[in-house]
């Protein structure tokens, strides 16, 4: 079994993160399944204060991964973005959006974020 992938914590310290056992409880999955989701690229984790954690905003109010996030991560990786660059982009305010790309994924305009990511890859 491979190690649990994570990247440098490039997030603002104010960004709330969940440790893997908390993600497991939220998603109602085993910790090993959450680890597999990280290995499969469905989520991105950071190491904060020596602990691997996932931004809490990656999940919706129903306790599921935000609808377009896994596909968006694939699009950005296919565009040769590093994990750190993906996190920076997701959490950076955009004047043409009502907030950050990750916050827009929680609205009915999630497809627009994926479209923008596809355009950035070319």
PDB file of N, CA and C in Angstrom:
ATOM      1  N   UNK A   1       0.843  -1.173   0.000  1.00  0.00           N
ATOM      2  CA  UNK A   1       0.000   0.000   0.000  1.00  0.00           C
ATOM      3  C   UNK A   1       0.888   1.235   0.000  1.00  0.00           C
ATOM      4  N   UNK A   2       0.548   2.217  -0.849  1.00  0.00           N
ATOM      5  CA  UNK A   2       1.365   3.416  -0.950  1.00  0.00           C
ATOM      6  C   UNK A   2       1.031   4.400   0.170  1.00  0.00           C
ATOM      7  N   UNK A   3       1.913   5.347   0.334  1.00  0.00           N
ATOM      8  CA  UNK A   3       1.724   6.372   1.364  1.00  0.00           C
ATOM      9  C   UNK A   3       0.528   7.255   1.015  1.00  0.00           C
ATOM     10  N   UNK A   4       0.035   7.944   1.997  1.00  0.00           N
ATOM     11  CA  UNK A   4      -1.089   8.845   1.794  1.00  0.00           C
ATOM     12  C   UNK A   4      -0.550  10.126   1.160  1.00  0.00           C
ATOM     13  N   UNK A   5      -1.050  10.505  -0.025  1.00  0.00           N
ATOM     14  CA  UNK A   5      -0.529  11.709  -0.682  1.00  0.00           C
ATOM     15  C   UNK A   5      -1.042  12.983  -0.011  1.00  0.00           C
ATOM     16  N   UNK A   6      -0.161  13.953   0.077  1.00  0.00           N
ATOM     17  CA  UNK A   6      -0.531  15.274   0.571  1.00  0.00           C
ATOM     18  C   UNK A   6       0.437  16.263  -0.044  1.00  0.00           C
ATOM     19  N   UNK A   7       0.101  17.534   0.034  1.00  0.00           N
ATOM     20  CA  UNK A   7       0.985  18.564  -0.504  1.00  0.00           C
ATOM     21  C   UNK A   7       1.266  19.592   0.585  1.00  0.00           C
ATOM     22  N   UNK A   8       2.106  20.529   0.237  1.00  0.00           N
ATOM     23  CA  UNK A   8       2.440  21.596   1.176  1.00  0.00           C
ATOM     24  C   UNK A   8       1.174  22.391   1.509  1.00  0.00           C
ATOM     25  N   UNK A   9       1.094  22.869   2.722  1.00  0.00           N
ATOM     26  CA  UNK A   9      -0.065  23.647   3.156  1.00  0.00           C
ATOM     27  C   UNK A   9       0.100  25.091   2.674  1.00  0.00           C
ATOM     28  N   UNK A  10      -0.450  25.366   1.492  1.00  0.00           N
ATOM     29  CA  UNK A  10      -0.373  26.705   0.908  1.00  0.00           C
ATOM     30  C   UNK A  10      -1.631  27.510   1.215  1.00  0.00           C
ATOM     31  N   UNK A  11      -2.504  26.938   2.015  1.00  0.00           N
ATOM     32  CA  UNK A  11      -3.762  27.584   2.362  1.00  0.00           C
ATOM     33  C   UNK A  11      -3.577  28.609   3.462  1.00  0.00           C
ATOM     34  N   UNK A  12      -4.455  29.585   3.466  1.00  0.00           N
ATOM     35  CA  UNK A  12      -4.491  30.550   4.556  1.00  0.00           C
ATOM     36  C   UNK A  12      -4.768  29.768   5.841  1.00  0.00           C
ATOM     37  N   UNK A  13      -4.109  30.117   6.935  1.00  0.00           N
ATOM     38  CA  UNK A  13      -4.349  29.399   8.195  1.00  0.00           C
ATOM     39  C   UNK A  13      -5.815  29.444   8.649  1.00  0.00           C
ATOM     40  N   UNK A  14      -6.576  30.404   8.137  1.00  0.00           N
ATOM     41  CA  UNK A  14      -7.988  30.510   8.515  1.00  0.00           C
ATOM     42  C   UNK A  14      -8.857  29.459   7.820  1.00  0.00           C
ATOM     43  N   UNK A  15      -8.326  28.818   6.768  1.00  0.00           N
ATOM     44  CA  UNK A  15      -9.086  27.783   6.072  1.00  0.00           C
ATOM     45  C   UNK A  15      -9.203  26.570   6.986  1.00  0.00           C
ATOM     46  N   UNK A  16     -10.432  26.192   7.268  1.00  0.00           N
ATOM     47  CA  UNK A  16     -10.695  25.057   8.156  1.00  0.00           C
ATOM     48  C   UNK A  16     -10.374  23.756   7.433  1.00  0.00           C
ATOM     49  N   UNK A  17      -9.674  22.876   8.134  1.00  0.00           N
ATOM     50  CA  UNK A  17      -9.357  21.555   7.584  1.00  0.00           C
ATOM     51  C   UNK A  17      -9.860  20.467   8.526  1.00  0.00           C
ATOM     52  N   UNK A  18     -10.105  19.290   7.952  1.00  0.00           N
ATOM     53  CA  UNK A  18     -10.561  18.140   8.720  1.00  0.00           C
ATOM     54  C   UNK A  18      -9.506  17.049   8.658  1.00  0.00           C
ATOM     55  N   UNK A  19      -9.187  16.476   9.792  1.00  0.00           N
ATOM     56  CA  UNK A  19      -8.277  15.348   9.813  1.00  0.00           C
ATOM     57  C   UNK A  19      -8.980  14.153   9.177  1.00  0.00           C
ATOM     58  N   UNK A  20      -8.196  13.191   8.707  1.00  0.00           N
ATOM     59  CA  UNK A  20      -8.772  12.057   7.978  1.00  0.00           C
ATOM     60  C   UNK A  20      -9.836  11.286   8.765  1.00  0.00           C
ATOM     61  N   UNK A  21      -9.659  11.058  10.080  1.00  0.00           N
ATOM     62  CA  UNK A  21     -10.752  10.385  10.811  1.00  0.00           C
ATOM     63  C   UNK A  21     -12.060  11.189  10.795  1.00  0.00           C
ATOM     64  N   UNK A  22     -11.937  12.525  10.799  1.00  0.00           N
ATOM     65  CA  UNK A  22     -13.133  13.370  10.733  1.00  0.00           C
ATOM     66  C   UNK A  22     -13.776  13.318   9.350  1.00  0.00           C
ATOM     67  N   UNK A  23     -12.944  13.274   8.311  1.00  0.00           N
ATOM     68  CA  UNK A  23     -13.460  13.119   6.947  1.00  0.00           C
ATOM     69  C   UNK A  23     -14.186  11.785   6.841  1.00  0.00           C
ATOM     70  N   UNK A  24     -13.597  10.768   7.416  1.00  0.00           N
ATOM     71  CA  UNK A  24     -14.190   9.426   7.413  1.00  0.00           C
ATOM     72  C   UNK A  24     -15.586   9.444   8.033  1.00  0.00           C
ATOM     73  N   UNK A  25     -15.717  10.082   9.176  1.00  0.00           N
ATOM     74  CA  UNK A  25     -17.019  10.168   9.851  1.00  0.00           C
ATOM     75  C   UNK A  25     -18.015  10.961   9.014  1.00  0.00           C
ATOM     76  N   UNK A  26     -17.559  12.079   8.454  1.00  0.00           N
ATOM     77  CA  UNK A  26     -18.431  12.932   7.648  1.00  0.00           C
ATOM     78  C   UNK A  26     -18.984  12.177   6.436  1.00  0.00           C
ATOM     79  N   UNK A  27     -18.106  11.459   5.745  1.00  0.00           N
ATOM     80  CA  UNK A  27     -18.501  10.733   4.535  1.00  0.00           C
ATOM     81  C   UNK A  27     -19.108   9.361   4.831  1.00  0.00           C
ATOM     82  N   UNK A  28     -19.052   8.968   6.096  1.00  0.00           N
ATOM     83  CA  UNK A  28     -19.543   7.651   6.504  1.00  0.00           C
ATOM     84  C   UNK A  28     -18.818   6.537   5.741  1.00  0.00           C
ATOM     85  N   UNK A  29     -17.487   6.700   5.687  1.00  0.00           N
ATOM     86  CA  UNK A  29     -16.604   5.732   5.033  1.00  0.00           C
ATOM     87  C   UNK A  29     -15.477   5.379   5.992  1.00  0.00           C
ATOM     88  N   UNK A  30     -14.790   4.302   5.706  1.00  0.00           N
ATOM     89  CA  UNK A  30     -13.623   3.956   6.526  1.00  0.00           C
ATOM     90  C   UNK A  30     -12.477   4.921   6.223  1.00  0.00           C
ATOM     91  N   UNK A  31     -11.573   5.046   7.159  1.00  0.00           N
ATOM     92  CA  UNK A  31     -10.400   5.900   6.953  1.00  0.00           C
ATOM     93  C   UNK A  31      -9.587   5.394   5.765  1.00  0.00           C
ATOM     94  N   UNK A  32      -9.517   4.076   5.612  1.00  0.00           N
ATOM     95  CA  UNK A  32      -8.758   3.535   4.478  1.00  0.00           C
ATOM     96  C   UNK A  32      -9.413   3.910   3.146  1.00  0.00           C
ATOM     97  N   UNK A  33     -10.732   4.014   3.117  1.00  0.00           N
ATOM     98  CA  UNK A  33     -11.408   4.453   1.882  1.00  0.00           C
ATOM     99  C   UNK A  33     -11.103   5.920   1.606  1.00  0.00           C
ATOM    100  N   UNK A  34     -11.043   6.747   2.633  1.00  0.00           N
ATOM    101  CA  UNK A  34     -10.680   8.157   2.466  1.00  0.00           C
ATOM    102  C   UNK A  34      -9.240   8.243   1.952  1.00  0.00           C
ATOM    103  N   UNK A  35      -8.355   7.442   2.497  1.00  0.00           N
ATOM    104  CA  UNK A  35      -6.979   7.407   2.020  1.00  0.00           C
ATOM    105  C   UNK A  35      -6.934   7.013   0.546  1.00  0.00           C
ATOM    106  N   UNK A  36      -7.770   6.062   0.155  1.00  0.00           N
ATOM    107  CA  UNK A  36      -7.822   5.644  -1.245  1.00  0.00           C
ATOM    108  C   UNK A  36      -8.342   6.778  -2.126  1.00  0.00           C
ATOM    109  N   UNK A  37      -9.305   7.543  -1.632  1.00  0.00           N
ATOM    110  CA  UNK A  37      -9.804   8.697  -2.378  1.00  0.00           C
ATOM    111  C   UNK A  37      -8.681   9.701  -2.629  1.00  0.00           C
ATOM    112  N   UNK A  38      -7.809   9.870  -1.645  1.00  0.00           N
ATOM    113  CA  UNK A  38      -6.658  10.755  -1.822  1.00  0.00           C
ATOM    114  C   UNK A  38      -5.698  10.183  -2.864  1.00  0.00           C
ATOM    115  N   UNK A  39      -5.432   8.888  -2.785  1.00  0.00           N
ATOM    116  CA  UNK A  39      -4.539   8.253  -3.765  1.00  0.00           C
ATOM    117  C   UNK A  39      -5.137   8.308  -5.172  1.00  0.00           C
ATOM    118  N   UNK A  40      -6.462   8.210  -5.260  1.00  0.00           N
ATOM    119  CA  UNK A  40      -7.135   8.250  -6.558  1.00  0.00           C
ATOM    120  C   UNK A  40      -7.290   9.674  -7.092  1.00  0.00           C
ATOM    121  N   UNK A  41      -6.934  10.667  -6.292  1.00  0.00           N
ATOM    122  CA  UNK A  41      -7.008  12.053  -6.741  1.00  0.00           C
ATOM    123  C   UNK A  41      -8.382  12.680  -6.630  1.00  0.00           C
ATOM    124  N   UNK A  42      -9.283  12.058  -5.879  1.00  0.00           N
ATOM    125  CA  UNK A  42     -10.624  12.612  -5.714  1.00  0.00           C
ATOM    126  C   UNK A  42     -10.640  13.790  -4.742  1.00  0.00           C
ATOM    127  N   UNK A  43      -9.629  13.875  -3.898  1.00  0.00           N
ATOM    128  CA  UNK A  43      -9.467  14.942  -2.915  1.00  0.00           C
ATOM    129  C   UNK A  43      -8.003  15.348  -2.882  1.00  0.00           C
ATOM    130  N   UNK A  44      -7.732  16.473  -2.268  1.00  0.00           N
ATOM    131  CA  UNK A  44      -6.358  16.917  -2.014  1.00  0.00           C
ATOM    132  C   UNK A  44      -6.213  17.129  -0.517  1.00  0.00           C
ATOM    133  N   UNK A  45      -5.123  16.639   0.025  1.00  0.00           N
ATOM    134  CA  UNK A  45      -4.839  16.822   1.453  1.00  0.00           C
ATOM    135  C   UNK A  45      -3.586  17.670   1.615  1.00  0.00           C
ATOM    136  N   UNK A  46      -3.503  18.319   2.760  1.00  0.00           N
ATOM    137  CA  UNK A  46      -2.308  19.079   3.143  1.00  0.00           C
ATOM    138  C   UNK A  46      -1.814  18.542   4.480  1.00  0.00           C
ATOM    139  N   UNK A  47      -0.585  18.854   4.773  1.00  0.00           N
ATOM    140  CA  UNK A  47      -0.065  18.513   6.096  1.00  0.00           C
ATOM    141  C   UNK A  47      -0.028  19.816   6.894  1.00  0.00           C
ATOM    142  N   UNK A  48      -0.856  19.867   7.937  1.00  0.00           N
ATOM    143  CA  UNK A  48      -0.936  21.060   8.784  1.00  0.00           C
ATOM    144  C   UNK A  48      -0.633  20.640  10.210  1.00  0.00           C
ATOM    145  N   UNK A  49       0.347  21.286  10.791  1.00  0.00           N
ATOM    146  CA  UNK A  49       0.768  20.975  12.162  1.00  0.00           C
ATOM    147  C   UNK A  49       1.077  19.497  12.335  1.00  0.00           C
ATOM    148  N   UNK A  50       1.693  18.914  11.309  1.00  0.00           N
ATOM    149  CA  UNK A  50       2.105  17.521  11.374  1.00  0.00           C
ATOM    150  C   UNK A  50       1.009  16.508  11.117  1.00  0.00           C
ATOM    151  N   UNK A  51      -0.195  16.970  10.775  1.00  0.00           N
ATOM    152  CA  UNK A  51      -1.328  16.071  10.567  1.00  0.00           C
ATOM    153  C   UNK A  51      -1.849  16.237   9.142  1.00  0.00           C
ATOM    154  N   UNK A  52      -2.164  15.132   8.496  1.00  0.00           N
ATOM    155  CA  UNK A  52      -2.741  15.193   7.154  1.00  0.00           C
ATOM    156  C   UNK A  52      -4.217  15.535   7.284  1.00  0.00           C
ATOM    157  N   UNK A  53      -4.639  16.537   6.504  1.00  0.00           N
ATOM    158  CA  UNK A  53      -6.013  17.028   6.611  1.00  0.00           C
ATOM    159  C   UNK A  53      -6.516  17.501   5.249  1.00  0.00           C
ATOM    160  N   UNK A  54      -7.827  17.579   5.137  1.00  0.00           N
ATOM    161  CA  UNK A  54      -8.503  17.979   3.905  1.00  0.00           C
ATOM    162  C   UNK A  54      -9.322  19.234   4.207  1.00  0.00           C
ATOM    163  N   UNK A  55      -9.305  20.230   3.309  1.00  0.00           N
ATOM    164  CA  UNK A  55     -10.131  21.420   3.545  1.00  0.00           C
ATOM    165  C   UNK A  55     -11.605  21.046   3.717  1.00  0.00           C
ATOM    166  N   UNK A  56     -12.223  21.573   4.741  1.00  0.00           N
ATOM    167  CA  UNK A  56     -13.620  21.217   5.034  1.00  0.00           C
ATOM    168  C   UNK A  56     -14.575  21.708   3.952  1.00  0.00           C
ATOM    169  N   UNK A  57     -14.196  22.735   3.229  1.00  0.00           N
ATOM    170  CA  UNK A  57     -15.057  23.277   2.183  1.00  0.00           C
ATOM    171  C   UNK A  57     -15.149  22.330   0.977  1.00  0.00           C
ATOM    172  N   UNK A  58     -14.379  21.267   0.964  1.00  0.00           N
ATOM    173  CA  UNK A  58     -14.474  20.255  -0.087  1.00  0.00           C
ATOM    174  C   UNK A  58     -15.728  19.397   0.080  1.00  0.00           C
ATOM    175  N   UNK A  59     -16.477  19.628   1.149  1.00  0.00           N
ATOM    176  CA  UNK A  59     -17.661  18.828   1.445  1.00  0.00           C
ATOM    177  C   UNK A  59     -18.884  19.726   1.538  1.00  0.00           C
ATOM    178  N   UNK A  60     -20.042  19.174   1.162  1.00  0.00           N
ATOM    179  CA  UNK A  60     -21.267  19.957   1.225  1.00  0.00           C
ATOM    180  C   UNK A  60     -21.991  19.709   2.547  1.00  0.00           C
ATOM    181  N   UNK A  61     -23.136  20.351   2.691  1.00  0.00           N
ATOM    182  CA  UNK A  61     -23.894  20.251   3.941  1.00  0.00           C
ATOM    183  C   UNK A  61     -24.459  18.854   4.169  1.00  0.00           C
ATOM    184  N   UNK A  62     -24.585  18.078   3.104  1.00  0.00           N
ATOM    185  CA  UNK A  62     -25.116  16.721   3.215  1.00  0.00           C
ATOM    186  C   UNK A  62     -24.031  15.717   3.596  1.00  0.00           C
ATOM    187  N   UNK A  63     -22.806  16.199   3.771  1.00  0.00           N
ATOM    188  CA  UNK A  63     -21.723  15.300   4.135  1.00  0.00           C
ATOM    189  C   UNK A  63     -21.188  14.507   2.961  1.00  0.00           C
ATOM    190  N   UNK A  64     -21.169  15.127   1.794  1.00  0.00           N
ATOM    191  CA  UNK A  64     -20.637  14.497   0.598  1.00  0.00           C
ATOM    192  C   UNK A  64     -19.593  15.414  -0.026  1.00  0.00           C
ATOM    193  N   UNK A  65     -18.745  14.834  -0.873  1.00  0.00           N
ATOM    194  CA  UNK A  65     -17.771  15.638  -1.604  1.00  0.00           C
ATOM    195  C   UNK A  65     -18.555  16.564  -2.532  1.00  0.00           C
ATOM    196  N   UNK A  66     -18.150  17.827  -2.601  1.00  0.00           N
ATOM    197  CA  UNK A  66     -18.819  18.800  -3.464  1.00  0.00           C
ATOM    198  C   UNK A  66     -18.901  18.222  -4.880  1.00  0.00           C
ATOM    199  N   UNK A  67     -20.035  18.368  -5.487  1.00  0.00           N
ATOM    200  CA  UNK A  67     -20.397  17.666  -6.718  1.00  0.00           C
ATOM    201  C   UNK A  67     -19.327  17.667  -7.808  1.00  0.00           C
ATOM    202  N   UNK A  68     -18.803  18.792  -8.207  1.00  0.00           N
ATOM    203  CA  UNK A  68     -17.889  18.849  -9.342  1.00  0.00           C
ATOM    204  C   UNK A  68     -16.420  18.767  -8.955  1.00  0.00           C
ATOM    205  N   UNK A  69     -16.113  18.661  -7.667  1.00  0.00           N
ATOM    206  CA  UNK A  69     -14.716  18.717  -7.237  1.00  0.00           C
ATOM    207  C   UNK A  69     -13.838  17.613  -7.829  1.00  0.00           C
ATOM    208  N   UNK A  70     -14.191  16.344  -7.742  1.00  0.00           N
ATOM    209  CA  UNK A  70     -13.280  15.317  -8.286  1.00  0.00           C
ATOM    210  C   UNK A  70     -12.971  15.520  -9.774  1.00  0.00           C
ATOM    211  N   UNK A  71     -13.982  15.840 -10.570  1.00  0.00           N
ATOM    212  CA  UNK A  71     -13.765  16.087 -11.997  1.00  0.00           C
ATOM    213  C   UNK A  71     -12.919  17.316 -12.240  1.00  0.00           C
ATOM    214  N   UNK A  72     -13.154  18.352 -11.446  1.00  0.00           N
ATOM    215  CA  UNK A  72     -12.358  19.576 -11.559  1.00  0.00           C
ATOM    216  C   UNK A  72     -10.890  19.300 -11.263  1.00  0.00           C
ATOM    217  N   UNK A  73     -10.626  18.491 -10.258  1.00  0.00           N
ATOM    218  CA  UNK A  73      -9.238  18.153  -9.922  1.00  0.00           C
ATOM    219  C   UNK A  73      -8.563  17.421 -11.081  1.00  0.00           C
ATOM    220  N   UNK A  74      -9.295  16.536 -11.737  1.00  0.00           N
ATOM    221  CA  UNK A  74      -8.746  15.822 -12.900  1.00  0.00           C
ATOM    222  C   UNK A  74      -8.412  16.812 -14.012  1.00  0.00           C
ATOM    223  N   UNK A  75      -9.328  17.730 -14.294  1.00  0.00           N
ATOM    224  CA  UNK A  75      -9.115  18.722 -15.351  1.00  0.00           C
ATOM    225  C   UNK A  75      -7.873  19.558 -15.054  1.00  0.00           C
ATOM    226  N   UNK A  76      -7.739  20.010 -13.820  1.00  0.00           N
ATOM    227  CA  UNK A  76      -6.592  20.845 -13.466  1.00  0.00           C
ATOM    228  C   UNK A  76      -5.284  20.051 -13.522  1.00  0.00           C
ATOM    229  N   UNK A  77      -5.310  18.821 -13.059  1.00  0.00           N
ATOM    230  CA  UNK A  77      -4.091  17.990 -13.153  1.00  0.00           C
ATOM    231  C   UNK A  77      -3.731  17.719 -14.609  1.00  0.00           C
ATOM    232  N   UNK A  78      -4.747  17.474 -15.434  1.00  0.00           N
ATOM    233  CA  UNK A  78      -4.497  17.264 -16.864  1.00  0.00           C
ATOM    234  C   UNK A  78      -3.902  18.514 -17.505  1.00  0.00           C
ATOM    235  N   UNK A  79      -4.184  19.669 -16.915  1.00  0.00           N
ATOM    236  CA  UNK A  79      -3.608  20.931 -17.377  1.00  0.00           C
ATOM    237  C   UNK A  79      -2.236  21.192 -16.779  1.00  0.00           C
ATOM    238  N   UNK A  80      -1.664  20.173 -16.148  1.00  0.00           N
ATOM    239  CA  UNK A  80      -0.318  20.222 -15.551  1.00  0.00           C
ATOM    240  C   UNK A  80      -0.200  21.161 -14.355  1.00  0.00           C
ATOM    241  N   UNK A  81      -1.303  21.354 -13.633  1.00  0.00           N
ATOM    242  CA  UNK A  81      -1.240  22.119 -12.394  1.00  0.00           C
ATOM    243  C   UNK A  81      -0.782  21.183 -11.280  1.00  0.00           C
ATOM    244  N   UNK A  82       0.096  21.694 -10.432  1.00  0.00           N
ATOM    245  CA  UNK A  82       0.520  20.922  -9.257  1.00  0.00           C
ATOM    246  C   UNK A  82      -0.580  21.000  -8.203  1.00  0.00           C
ATOM    247  N   UNK A  83      -0.488  20.144  -7.207  1.00  0.00           N
ATOM    248  CA  UNK A  83      -1.479  20.160  -6.131  1.00  0.00           C
ATOM    249  C   UNK A  83      -1.508  21.533  -5.444  1.00  0.00           C
ATOM    250  N   UNK A  84      -0.333  22.110  -5.216  1.00  0.00           N
ATOM    251  CA  UNK A  84      -0.263  23.423  -4.568  1.00  0.00           C
ATOM    252  C   UNK A  84      -0.905  24.490  -5.445  1.00  0.00           C
ATOM    253  N   UNK A  85      -0.651  24.437  -6.758  1.00  0.00           N
ATOM    254  CA  UNK A  85      -1.257  25.414  -7.668  1.00  0.00           C
ATOM    255  C   UNK A  85      -2.768  25.257  -7.701  1.00  0.00           C
ATOM    256  N   UNK A  86      -3.243  24.022  -7.659  1.00  0.00           N
ATOM    257  CA  UNK A  86      -4.692  23.774  -7.637  1.00  0.00           C
ATOM    258  C   UNK A  86      -5.307  24.405  -6.395  1.00  0.00           C
ATOM    259  N   UNK A  87      -4.693  24.167  -5.244  1.00  0.00           N
ATOM    260  CA  UNK A  87      -5.233  24.743  -4.007  1.00  0.00           C
ATOM    261  C   UNK A  87      -5.206  26.264  -4.043  1.00  0.00           C
ATOM    262  N   UNK A  88      -4.113  26.834  -4.526  1.00  0.00           N
ATOM    263  CA  UNK A  88      -4.049  28.303  -4.609  1.00  0.00           C
ATOM    264  C   UNK A  88      -5.171  28.838  -5.489  1.00  0.00           C
ATOM    265  N   UNK A  89      -5.383  28.206  -6.635  1.00  0.00           N
ATOM    266  CA  UNK A  89      -6.424  28.672  -7.553  1.00  0.00           C
ATOM    267  C   UNK A  89      -7.807  28.521  -6.931  1.00  0.00           C
ATOM    268  N   UNK A  90      -8.069  27.377  -6.319  1.00  0.00           N
ATOM    269  CA  UNK A  90      -9.382  27.141  -5.719  1.00  0.00           C
ATOM    270  C   UNK A  90      -9.724  28.141  -4.624  1.00  0.00           C
ATOM    271  N   UNK A  91      -8.719  28.592  -3.885  1.00  0.00           N
ATOM    272  CA  UNK A  91      -8.963  29.441  -2.715  1.00  0.00           C
ATOM    273  C   UNK A  91      -8.615  30.910  -2.928  1.00  0.00           C
ATOM    274  N   UNK A  92      -8.348  31.304  -4.176  1.00  0.00           N
ATOM    275  CA  UNK A  92      -8.026  32.698  -4.465  1.00  0.00           C
ATOM    276  C   UNK A  92      -9.273  33.423  -4.971  1.00  0.00           C
ATOM    277  N   UNK A  93      -9.561  34.578  -4.366  1.00  0.00           N
ATOM    278  CA  UNK A  93     -10.696  35.392  -4.798  1.00  0.00           C
ATOM    279  C   UNK A  93     -10.540  35.739  -6.274  1.00  0.00           C
ATOM    280  N   UNK A  94     -11.650  35.712  -6.994  1.00  0.00           N
ATOM    281  CA  UNK A  94     -11.674  36.042  -8.407  1.00  0.00           C
ATOM    282  C   UNK A  94     -12.717  37.136  -8.592  1.00  0.00           C
ATOM    283  N   UNK A  95     -12.285  38.276  -9.133  1.00  0.00           N
ATOM    284  CA  UNK A  95     -13.200  39.409  -9.292  1.00  0.00           C
ATOM    285  C   UNK A  95     -14.371  39.103 -10.211  1.00  0.00           C
ATOM    286  N   UNK A  96     -14.193  38.154 -11.130  1.00  0.00           N
ATOM    287  CA  UNK A  96     -15.268  37.826 -12.061  1.00  0.00           C
ATOM    288  C   UNK A  96     -16.238  36.787 -11.491  1.00  0.00           C
ATOM    289  N   UNK A  97     -15.976  36.354 -10.272  1.00  0.00           N
ATOM    290  CA  UNK A  97     -16.838  35.382  -9.594  1.00  0.00           C
ATOM    291  C   UNK A  97     -17.347  35.978  -8.287  1.00  0.00           C
ATOM    292  N   UNK A  98     -18.425  35.424  -7.771  1.00  0.00           N
ATOM    293  CA  UNK A  98     -18.871  35.860  -6.438  1.00  0.00           C
ATOM    294  C   UNK A  98     -18.076  35.130  -5.350  1.00  0.00           C
ATOM    295  N   UNK A  99     -16.768  35.342  -5.322  1.00  0.00           N
ATOM    296  CA  UNK A  99     -15.924  34.689  -4.323  1.00  0.00           C
ATOM    297  C   UNK A  99     -14.800  33.898  -4.949  1.00  0.00           C
ATOM    298  N   UNK A 100     -14.512  32.769  -4.358  1.00  0.00           N
ATOM    299  CA  UNK A 100     -13.439  31.895  -4.830  1.00  0.00           C
ATOM    300  C   UNK A 100     -14.025  30.764  -5.678  1.00  0.00           C
ATOM    301  N   UNK A 101     -13.211  30.142  -6.519  1.00  0.00           N
ATOM    302  CA  UNK A 101     -13.731  28.997  -7.280  1.00  0.00           C
ATOM    303  C   UNK A 101     -14.330  27.910  -6.389  1.00  0.00           C
ATOM    304  N   UNK A 102     -13.690  27.607  -5.252  1.00  0.00           N
ATOM    305  CA  UNK A 102     -14.234  26.553  -4.393  1.00  0.00           C
ATOM    306  C   UNK A 102     -15.590  26.953  -3.811  1.00  0.00           C
ATOM    307  N   UNK A 103     -15.778  28.237  -3.513  1.00  0.00           N
ATOM    308  CA  UNK A 103     -17.081  28.660  -2.980  1.00  0.00           C
ATOM    309  C   UNK A 103     -18.157  28.582  -4.060  1.00  0.00           C
ATOM    310  N   UNK A 104     -17.798  28.854  -5.312  1.00  0.00           N
ATOM    311  CA  UNK A 104     -18.767  28.785  -6.407  1.00  0.00           C
ATOM    312  C   UNK A 104     -19.176  27.338  -6.679  1.00  0.00           C
ATOM    313  N   UNK A 105     -18.282  26.384  -6.406  1.00  0.00           N
ATOM    314  CA  UNK A 105     -18.641  24.976  -6.586  1.00  0.00           C
ATOM    315  C   UNK A 105     -19.824  24.580  -5.707  1.00  0.00           C
ATOM    316  N   UNK A 106     -20.065  25.326  -4.648  1.00  0.00           N
ATOM    317  CA  UNK A 106     -21.180  25.042  -3.744  1.00  0.00           C
ATOM    318  C   UNK A 106     -22.500  25.630  -4.245  1.00  0.00           C
ATOM    319  N   UNK A 107     -22.456  26.302  -5.393  1.00  0.00           N
ATOM    320  CA  UNK A 107     -23.661  26.927  -5.940  1.00  0.00           C
ATOM    321  C   UNK A 107     -24.104  26.179  -7.198  1.00  0.00           C
ATOM    322  N   UNK A 108     -25.106  26.735  -7.853  1.00  0.00           N
ATOM    323  CA  UNK A 108     -25.590  26.155  -9.105  1.00  0.00           C
ATOM    324  C   UNK A 108     -24.684  26.477 -10.295  1.00  0.00           C
ATOM    325  N   UNK A 109     -23.575  27.182 -10.044  1.00  0.00           N
ATOM    326  CA  UNK A 109     -22.675  27.593 -11.121  1.00  0.00           C
ATOM    327  C   UNK A 109     -21.375  26.792 -11.134  1.00  0.00           C
ATOM    328  N   UNK A 110     -21.400  25.606 -10.567  1.00  0.00           N
ATOM    329  CA  UNK A 110     -20.203  24.770 -10.505  1.00  0.00           C
ATOM    330  C   UNK A 110     -19.637  24.423 -11.864  1.00  0.00           C
ATOM    331  N   UNK A 111     -20.507  24.224 -12.835  1.00  0.00           N
ATOM    332  CA  UNK A 111     -20.026  23.890 -14.183  1.00  0.00           C
ATOM    333  C   UNK A 111     -19.160  25.008 -14.762  1.00  0.00           C
ATOM    334  N   UNK A 112     -19.459  26.248 -14.395  1.00  0.00           N
ATOM    335  CA  UNK A 112     -18.657  27.380 -14.879  1.00  0.00           C
ATOM    336  C   UNK A 112     -17.218  27.270 -14.391  1.00  0.00           C
ATOM    337  N   UNK A 113     -17.033  26.793 -13.188  1.00  0.00           N
ATOM    338  CA  UNK A 113     -15.676  26.633 -12.647  1.00  0.00           C
ATOM    339  C   UNK A 113     -14.932  25.558 -13.427  1.00  0.00           C
ATOM    340  N   UNK A 114     -15.598  24.466 -13.734  1.00  0.00           N
ATOM    341  CA  UNK A 114     -14.968  23.404 -14.533  1.00  0.00           C
ATOM    342  C   UNK A 114     -14.631  23.933 -15.923  1.00  0.00           C
ATOM    343  N   UNK A 115     -15.534  24.702 -16.526  1.00  0.00           N
ATOM    344  CA  UNK A 115     -15.293  25.283 -17.846  1.00  0.00           C
ATOM    345  C   UNK A 115     -14.066  26.181 -17.822  1.00  0.00           C
ATOM    346  N   UNK A 116     -13.952  27.009 -16.790  1.00  0.00           N
ATOM    347  CA  UNK A 116     -12.800  27.904 -16.663  1.00  0.00           C
ATOM    348  C   UNK A 116     -11.501  27.105 -16.502  1.00  0.00           C
ATOM    349  N   UNK A 117     -11.573  26.031 -15.736  1.00  0.00           N
ATOM    350  CA  UNK A 117     -10.382  25.183 -15.534  1.00  0.00           C
ATOM    351  C   UNK A 117      -9.974  24.551 -16.856  1.00  0.00           C
ATOM    352  N   UNK A 118     -10.946  24.129 -17.643  1.00  0.00           N
ATOM    353  CA  UNK A 118     -10.622  23.542 -18.952  1.00  0.00           C
ATOM    354  C   UNK A 118      -9.946  24.576 -19.843  1.00  0.00           C
ATOM    355  N   UNK A 119     -10.435  25.799 -19.815  1.00  0.00           N
ATOM    356  CA  UNK A 119      -9.852  26.863 -20.639  1.00  0.00           C
ATOM    357  C   UNK A 119      -8.428  27.192 -20.184  1.00  0.00           C
ATOM    358  N   UNK A 120      -8.166  27.110 -18.894  1.00  0.00           N
ATOM    359  CA  UNK A 120      -6.817  27.403 -18.385  1.00  0.00           C
ATOM    360  C   UNK A 120      -5.815  26.355 -18.831  1.00  0.00           C
ATOM    361  N   UNK A 121      -6.274  25.138 -19.088  1.00  0.00           N
ATOM    362  CA  UNK A 121      -5.379  24.053 -19.461  1.00  0.00           C
ATOM    363  C   UNK A 121      -4.854  24.162 -20.886  1.00  0.00           C
ATOM    364  N   UNK A 122      -5.395  25.086 -21.653  1.00  0.00           N
ATOM    365  CA  UNK A 122      -4.959  25.213 -23.054  1.00  0.00           C
ATOM    366  C   UNK A 122      -4.166  26.458 -23.281  1.00  0.00           C
TER     367      UNK A 122
END
